[in-house]
Amino acid sequence: MISPGYEKGKASIEVTVANIGSDTMKSVSVKLLPGNYIIDEEGTFLGDLDPGDFDSADLSFTPRGNPVLVRYQIAFNKAGERVVLNRTYEFTAPREGGFPWIWLLVTAAVVYYAYTRKAGRKVSHS
């Protein structure tokens, strides 16, 4: 499960790892792999996850594009074997500063409409 975050040019994803199997996942780690971003916080060692347990890792980066394909890896030992899962997540940063301009344009349009409508009524009654 992925939970994205973004604040002032810095992005993050929280990767939740859950053990849905019947064996303990040992030495679980999550880390960012190189991509079109600057890695700020590479990864986290989560330790062991018993069946039914879960834990999360926060990975932070500075995107060099929008959207950016984030590559990460989940690795663990299970039943005596090392399992490495490489995954990707398409991260899209919200547009900064867009809302105030839209709000200003909508307000201006409403004011213009109300003014022209009021002016039109005055002219028709004259």
N, C-alpha and C. Protein backbone atom coordinates (compact mmCIF):
# COMPACT_ATOMS: atom_id res chain seq x y z
N MET A 1 0.85 -1.17 0.00
CA MET A 1 0.00 0.00 0.00
C MET A 1 0.90 1.24 0.00
N ILE A 2 0.53 2.24 -0.80
CA ILE A 2 1.32 3.46 -0.94
C ILE A 2 0.49 4.67 -0.50
N SER A 3 1.10 5.55 0.29
CA SER A 3 0.49 6.82 0.66
C SER A 3 1.44 7.94 0.25
N PRO A 4 1.08 8.73 -0.79
CA PRO A 4 1.97 9.80 -1.24
C PRO A 4 1.82 11.07 -0.41
N GLY A 5 2.87 11.89 -0.43
CA GLY A 5 2.84 13.18 0.23
C GLY A 5 3.68 14.17 -0.56
N TYR A 6 3.37 15.47 -0.41
CA TYR A 6 4.11 16.50 -1.13
C TYR A 6 4.01 17.81 -0.39
N GLU A 7 5.16 18.48 -0.21
CA GLU A 7 5.18 19.77 0.44
C GLU A 7 6.41 20.56 0.00
N LYS A 8 6.18 21.70 -0.63
CA LYS A 8 7.23 22.63 -1.03
C LYS A 8 8.36 21.97 -1.82
N GLY A 9 8.02 21.24 -2.85
CA GLY A 9 9.03 20.63 -3.72
C GLY A 9 9.58 19.30 -3.24
N LYS A 10 9.27 18.92 -2.03
CA LYS A 10 9.72 17.64 -1.47
C LYS A 10 8.57 16.64 -1.51
N ALA A 11 8.87 15.45 -1.99
CA ALA A 11 7.85 14.43 -2.11
C ALA A 11 8.20 13.24 -1.23
N SER A 12 7.19 12.45 -0.93
CA SER A 12 7.43 11.23 -0.15
C SER A 12 6.36 10.20 -0.49
N ILE A 13 6.74 8.97 -0.27
CA ILE A 13 5.75 7.90 -0.32
C ILE A 13 5.95 7.06 0.94
N GLU A 14 4.84 6.67 1.52
CA GLU A 14 4.88 5.76 2.65
C GLU A 14 4.47 4.39 2.11
N VAL A 15 5.40 3.44 2.20
CA VAL A 15 5.16 2.09 1.70
C VAL A 15 4.84 1.20 2.89
N THR A 16 3.64 0.63 2.89
CA THR A 16 3.24 -0.28 3.95
C THR A 16 3.43 -1.70 3.47
N VAL A 17 4.16 -2.49 4.27
CA VAL A 17 4.42 -3.89 3.97
C VAL A 17 3.63 -4.73 4.97
N ALA A 18 2.83 -5.66 4.46
CA ALA A 18 2.03 -6.54 5.31
C ALA A 18 2.40 -7.98 5.05
N ASN A 19 2.53 -8.77 6.10
CA ASN A 19 2.80 -10.21 5.96
C ASN A 19 1.46 -10.93 5.97
N ILE A 20 1.02 -11.35 4.78
CA ILE A 20 -0.26 -12.05 4.68
C ILE A 20 -0.05 -13.56 4.58
N GLY A 21 1.21 -13.98 4.69
CA GLY A 21 1.51 -15.41 4.62
C GLY A 21 1.52 -16.07 5.99
N SER A 22 1.96 -17.32 6.01
CA SER A 22 1.99 -18.07 7.27
C SER A 22 3.39 -18.17 7.86
N ASP A 23 4.42 -17.72 7.11
CA ASP A 23 5.81 -17.71 7.60
C ASP A 23 6.21 -16.29 7.98
N THR A 24 7.14 -16.19 8.94
CA THR A 24 7.67 -14.88 9.32
C THR A 24 8.53 -14.31 8.20
N MET A 25 8.33 -13.04 7.91
CA MET A 25 9.19 -12.32 6.97
C MET A 25 10.33 -11.74 7.81
N LYS A 26 11.55 -12.16 7.53
CA LYS A 26 12.70 -11.72 8.33
C LYS A 26 13.52 -10.68 7.57
N SER A 27 14.10 -9.77 8.33
CA SER A 27 14.99 -8.73 7.79
C SER A 27 14.34 -7.95 6.64
N VAL A 28 13.15 -7.45 6.89
CA VAL A 28 12.41 -6.70 5.87
C VAL A 28 13.03 -5.30 5.74
N SER A 29 13.28 -4.91 4.49
CA SER A 29 13.78 -3.56 4.23
C SER A 29 13.07 -3.00 3.00
N VAL A 30 12.94 -1.68 2.97
CA VAL A 30 12.32 -0.97 1.86
C VAL A 30 13.27 0.16 1.49
N LYS A 31 13.57 0.31 0.17
CA LYS A 31 14.46 1.40 -0.23
C LYS A 31 14.10 1.92 -1.61
N LEU A 32 14.44 3.19 -1.82
CA LEU A 32 14.27 3.81 -3.13
C LEU A 32 15.39 3.35 -4.05
N LEU A 33 15.05 3.18 -5.32
CA LEU A 33 16.03 2.88 -6.34
C LEU A 33 16.23 4.14 -7.17
N PRO A 34 17.37 4.29 -7.84
CA PRO A 34 17.62 5.50 -8.63
C PRO A 34 16.54 5.71 -9.70
N GLY A 35 16.22 6.98 -9.93
CA GLY A 35 15.21 7.34 -10.92
C GLY A 35 15.30 8.81 -11.24
N ASN A 36 14.26 9.38 -11.80
CA ASN A 36 14.22 10.79 -12.18
C ASN A 36 13.86 11.66 -10.97
N TYR A 37 14.65 11.51 -9.92
CA TYR A 37 14.45 12.24 -8.67
C TYR A 37 15.73 12.19 -7.87
N ILE A 38 15.86 13.10 -6.93
CA ILE A 38 16.98 13.10 -6.00
C ILE A 38 16.50 12.40 -4.74
N ILE A 39 17.22 11.39 -4.33
CA ILE A 39 16.84 10.61 -3.15
C ILE A 39 17.24 11.38 -1.89
N ASP A 40 16.26 11.71 -1.05
CA ASP A 40 16.50 12.41 0.21
C ASP A 40 16.61 11.42 1.37
N GLU A 41 15.72 10.46 1.40
CA GLU A 41 15.75 9.41 2.43
C GLU A 41 15.60 8.09 1.70
N GLU A 42 16.72 7.34 1.65
CA GLU A 42 16.81 6.17 0.78
C GLU A 42 15.93 5.00 1.20
N GLY A 43 15.89 4.72 2.48
CA GLY A 43 15.12 3.55 2.87
C GLY A 43 15.10 3.31 4.35
N THR A 44 14.47 2.19 4.71
CA THR A 44 14.26 1.86 6.11
C THR A 44 14.36 0.36 6.30
N PHE A 45 14.97 -0.04 7.40
CA PHE A 45 14.99 -1.44 7.81
C PHE A 45 13.83 -1.64 8.77
N LEU A 46 12.91 -2.53 8.41
CA LEU A 46 11.71 -2.75 9.24
C LEU A 46 11.86 -3.88 10.24
N GLY A 47 12.82 -4.78 10.01
CA GLY A 47 12.99 -5.91 10.92
C GLY A 47 12.14 -7.09 10.50
N ASP A 48 11.65 -7.86 11.46
CA ASP A 48 10.85 -9.06 11.19
C ASP A 48 9.35 -8.75 11.29
N LEU A 49 8.57 -9.39 10.40
CA LEU A 49 7.12 -9.27 10.44
C LEU A 49 6.52 -10.66 10.58
N ASP A 50 5.85 -10.89 11.70
CA ASP A 50 5.16 -12.16 11.90
C ASP A 50 3.90 -12.19 11.03
N PRO A 51 3.33 -13.38 10.81
CA PRO A 51 2.09 -13.46 10.04
C PRO A 51 1.03 -12.52 10.61
N GLY A 52 0.40 -11.73 9.73
CA GLY A 52 -0.62 -10.77 10.14
C GLY A 52 -0.08 -9.41 10.54
N ASP A 53 1.25 -9.27 10.70
CA ASP A 53 1.85 -7.99 11.07
C ASP A 53 2.05 -7.12 9.84
N PHE A 54 2.19 -5.82 10.08
CA PHE A 54 2.53 -4.88 9.01
C PHE A 54 3.33 -3.73 9.60
N ASP A 55 4.07 -3.03 8.74
CA ASP A 55 4.87 -1.88 9.14
C ASP A 55 5.04 -0.99 7.92
N SER A 56 5.46 0.25 8.14
CA SER A 56 5.60 1.20 7.05
C SER A 56 6.98 1.80 7.00
N ALA A 57 7.38 2.20 5.79
CA ALA A 57 8.65 2.88 5.57
C ALA A 57 8.37 4.18 4.82
N ASP A 58 8.97 5.27 5.27
CA ASP A 58 8.85 6.55 4.60
C ASP A 58 10.06 6.76 3.70
N LEU A 59 9.81 7.02 2.43
CA LEU A 59 10.85 7.27 1.46
C LEU A 59 10.64 8.67 0.91
N SER A 60 11.66 9.52 0.99
CA SER A 60 11.47 10.90 0.52
C SER A 60 12.45 11.22 -0.61
N PHE A 61 11.98 12.10 -1.50
CA PHE A 61 12.75 12.43 -2.69
C PHE A 61 12.31 13.78 -3.23
N THR A 62 13.14 14.35 -4.10
CA THR A 62 12.81 15.59 -4.80
C THR A 62 12.63 15.24 -6.26
N PRO A 63 11.39 15.34 -6.78
CA PRO A 63 11.14 14.97 -8.17
C PRO A 63 11.85 15.92 -9.15
N ARG A 64 12.30 15.36 -10.27
CA ARG A 64 12.90 16.16 -11.35
C ARG A 64 11.91 16.32 -12.50
N GLY A 65 10.70 15.86 -12.33
CA GLY A 65 9.66 15.97 -13.34
C GLY A 65 8.32 15.81 -12.67
N ASN A 66 7.27 15.94 -13.46
CA ASN A 66 5.93 15.74 -12.92
C ASN A 66 5.03 15.26 -14.06
N PRO A 67 4.56 14.06 -14.03
CA PRO A 67 4.74 13.04 -12.98
C PRO A 67 6.12 12.40 -13.07
N VAL A 68 6.46 11.63 -12.06
CA VAL A 68 7.72 10.91 -12.03
C VAL A 68 7.44 9.46 -11.61
N LEU A 69 8.12 8.55 -12.24
CA LEU A 69 7.98 7.14 -11.92
C LEU A 69 8.97 6.79 -10.81
N VAL A 70 8.45 6.48 -9.62
CA VAL A 70 9.28 6.19 -8.46
C VAL A 70 9.51 4.68 -8.40
N ARG A 71 10.78 4.31 -8.33
CA ARG A 71 11.15 2.90 -8.25
C ARG A 71 11.59 2.59 -6.82
N TYR A 72 11.03 1.53 -6.25
CA TYR A 72 11.41 1.14 -4.90
C TYR A 72 11.52 -0.38 -4.81
N GLN A 73 12.17 -0.82 -3.74
CA GLN A 73 12.42 -2.25 -3.57
C GLN A 73 12.03 -2.68 -2.16
N ILE A 74 11.34 -3.82 -2.09
CA ILE A 74 11.03 -4.45 -0.81
C ILE A 74 11.79 -5.77 -0.80
N ALA A 75 12.59 -5.97 0.24
CA ALA A 75 13.39 -7.19 0.34
C ALA A 75 13.20 -7.82 1.72
N PHE A 76 13.20 -9.17 1.74
CA PHE A 76 13.03 -9.88 3.01
C PHE A 76 13.46 -11.33 2.82
N ASN A 77 13.68 -11.99 3.96
CA ASN A 77 13.96 -13.43 3.97
C ASN A 77 12.69 -14.16 4.39
N LYS A 78 12.35 -15.23 3.63
CA LYS A 78 11.17 -16.00 3.95
C LYS A 78 11.44 -17.46 3.60
N ALA A 79 11.23 -18.35 4.57
CA ALA A 79 11.47 -19.78 4.38
C ALA A 79 12.89 -20.05 3.88
N GLY A 80 13.85 -19.29 4.41
CA GLY A 80 15.25 -19.53 4.08
C GLY A 80 15.73 -18.92 2.77
N GLU A 81 14.89 -18.20 2.07
CA GLU A 81 15.28 -17.59 0.80
C GLU A 81 15.14 -16.07 0.87
N ARG A 82 16.04 -15.38 0.16
CA ARG A 82 15.95 -13.91 0.06
C ARG A 82 15.00 -13.56 -1.09
N VAL A 83 13.97 -12.79 -0.78
CA VAL A 83 12.98 -12.36 -1.78
C VAL A 83 13.19 -10.86 -2.01
N VAL A 84 13.33 -10.48 -3.28
CA VAL A 84 13.50 -9.07 -3.64
C VAL A 84 12.40 -8.70 -4.64
N LEU A 85 11.59 -7.73 -4.25
CA LEU A 85 10.48 -7.27 -5.09
C LEU A 85 10.75 -5.84 -5.53
N ASN A 86 10.91 -5.61 -6.82
CA ASN A 86 11.08 -4.26 -7.36
C ASN A 86 9.72 -3.78 -7.85
N ARG A 87 9.34 -2.60 -7.40
CA ARG A 87 8.04 -2.04 -7.73
C ARG A 87 8.20 -0.61 -8.25
N THR A 88 7.15 -0.11 -8.90
CA THR A 88 7.13 1.28 -9.36
C THR A 88 5.81 1.92 -8.95
N TYR A 89 5.85 3.22 -8.80
CA TYR A 89 4.68 4.00 -8.44
C TYR A 89 4.76 5.33 -9.20
N GLU A 90 3.70 5.69 -9.91
CA GLU A 90 3.69 6.97 -10.62
C GLU A 90 3.24 8.06 -9.66
N PHE A 91 4.17 8.94 -9.34
CA PHE A 91 3.90 10.03 -8.40
C PHE A 91 3.62 11.31 -9.20
N THR A 92 2.50 11.95 -8.91
CA THR A 92 2.16 13.22 -9.53
C THR A 92 2.03 14.27 -8.44
N ALA A 93 2.86 15.30 -8.52
CA ALA A 93 2.81 16.38 -7.53
C ALA A 93 1.65 17.30 -7.86
N PRO A 94 0.98 17.81 -6.83
CA PRO A 94 -0.10 18.77 -7.10
C PRO A 94 0.48 20.06 -7.65
N ARG A 95 -0.30 20.74 -8.48
CA ARG A 95 0.15 22.02 -9.03
C ARG A 95 0.13 23.05 -7.93
N GLU A 96 1.24 23.77 -7.82
CA GLU A 96 1.34 24.79 -6.78
C GLU A 96 0.81 26.12 -7.30
N GLY A 97 0.02 26.80 -6.49
CA GLY A 97 -0.45 28.13 -6.83
C GLY A 97 -1.57 28.19 -7.84
N GLY A 98 -2.09 27.08 -8.28
CA GLY A 98 -3.14 27.10 -9.29
C GLY A 98 -4.49 27.56 -8.75
N PHE A 99 -4.84 27.16 -7.57
CA PHE A 99 -6.15 27.46 -7.01
C PHE A 99 -6.43 28.95 -6.87
N PRO A 100 -5.50 29.78 -6.33
CA PRO A 100 -5.82 31.21 -6.20
C PRO A 100 -6.14 31.87 -7.55
N TRP A 101 -5.46 31.49 -8.60
CA TRP A 101 -5.73 32.08 -9.91
C TRP A 101 -7.11 31.68 -10.41
N ILE A 102 -7.47 30.43 -10.23
CA ILE A 102 -8.80 29.98 -10.65
C ILE A 102 -9.87 30.70 -9.84
N TRP A 103 -9.66 30.82 -8.54
CA TRP A 103 -10.61 31.51 -7.68
C TRP A 103 -10.76 32.96 -8.13
N LEU A 104 -9.66 33.63 -8.45
CA LEU A 104 -9.69 35.01 -8.89
C LEU A 104 -10.46 35.15 -10.21
N LEU A 105 -10.22 34.25 -11.16
CA LEU A 105 -10.93 34.30 -12.44
C LEU A 105 -12.43 34.06 -12.27
N VAL A 106 -12.80 33.09 -11.45
CA VAL A 106 -14.21 32.81 -11.22
C VAL A 106 -14.88 34.01 -10.54
N THR A 107 -14.23 34.59 -9.56
CA THR A 107 -14.79 35.75 -8.87
C THR A 107 -14.97 36.92 -9.84
N ALA A 108 -13.96 37.16 -10.67
CA ALA A 108 -14.05 38.24 -11.65
C ALA A 108 -15.20 38.00 -12.62
N ALA A 109 -15.38 36.77 -13.07
CA ALA A 109 -16.46 36.45 -14.00
C ALA A 109 -17.82 36.67 -13.34
N VAL A 110 -17.98 36.28 -12.10
CA VAL A 110 -19.25 36.46 -11.38
C VAL A 110 -19.53 37.95 -11.19
N VAL A 111 -18.52 38.71 -10.79
CA VAL A 111 -18.70 40.15 -10.60
C VAL A 111 -19.06 40.82 -11.92
N TYR A 112 -18.37 40.44 -13.00
CA TYR A 112 -18.66 41.00 -14.32
C TYR A 112 -20.09 40.68 -14.75
N TYR A 113 -20.49 39.43 -14.56
CA TYR A 113 -21.84 39.01 -14.93
C TYR A 113 -22.88 39.81 -14.13
N ALA A 114 -22.67 39.90 -12.82
CA ALA A 114 -23.62 40.62 -11.97
C ALA A 114 -23.67 42.09 -12.36
N TYR A 115 -22.55 42.69 -12.66
CA TYR A 115 -22.50 44.11 -13.02
C TYR A 115 -23.21 44.35 -14.35
N THR A 116 -22.93 43.51 -15.36
CA THR A 116 -23.55 43.70 -16.66
C THR A 116 -25.04 43.42 -16.60
N ARG A 117 -25.45 42.47 -15.80
CA ARG A 117 -26.88 42.16 -15.67
C ARG A 117 -27.61 43.32 -15.00
N LYS A 118 -26.99 43.88 -13.95
CA LYS A 118 -27.59 45.02 -13.25
C LYS A 118 -27.65 46.23 -14.18
N ALA A 119 -26.58 46.46 -14.92
CA ALA A 119 -26.54 47.57 -15.87
C ALA A 119 -27.58 47.38 -16.96
N GLY A 120 -27.79 46.15 -17.41
CA GLY A 120 -28.79 45.86 -18.44
C GLY A 120 -30.19 46.15 -17.95
N ARG A 121 -30.49 45.88 -16.71
CA ARG A 121 -31.82 46.16 -16.14
C ARG A 121 -32.10 47.65 -16.10
N LYS A 122 -31.08 48.43 -15.71
CA LYS A 122 -31.25 49.88 -15.63
C LYS A 122 -31.57 50.45 -17.01
N VAL A 123 -30.88 49.96 -18.03
CA VAL A 123 -31.08 50.48 -19.37
C VAL A 123 -32.49 50.12 -19.86
N SER A 124 -32.97 48.92 -19.57
CA SER A 124 -34.28 48.50 -20.06
C SER A 124 -35.42 49.26 -19.39
N HIS A 125 -35.22 49.77 -18.19
CA HIS A 125 -36.27 50.51 -17.48
C HIS A 125 -36.27 52.00 -17.82
N SER A 126 -35.30 52.46 -18.49
CA SER A 126 -35.21 53.90 -18.79
C SER A 126 -36.11 54.31 -19.91
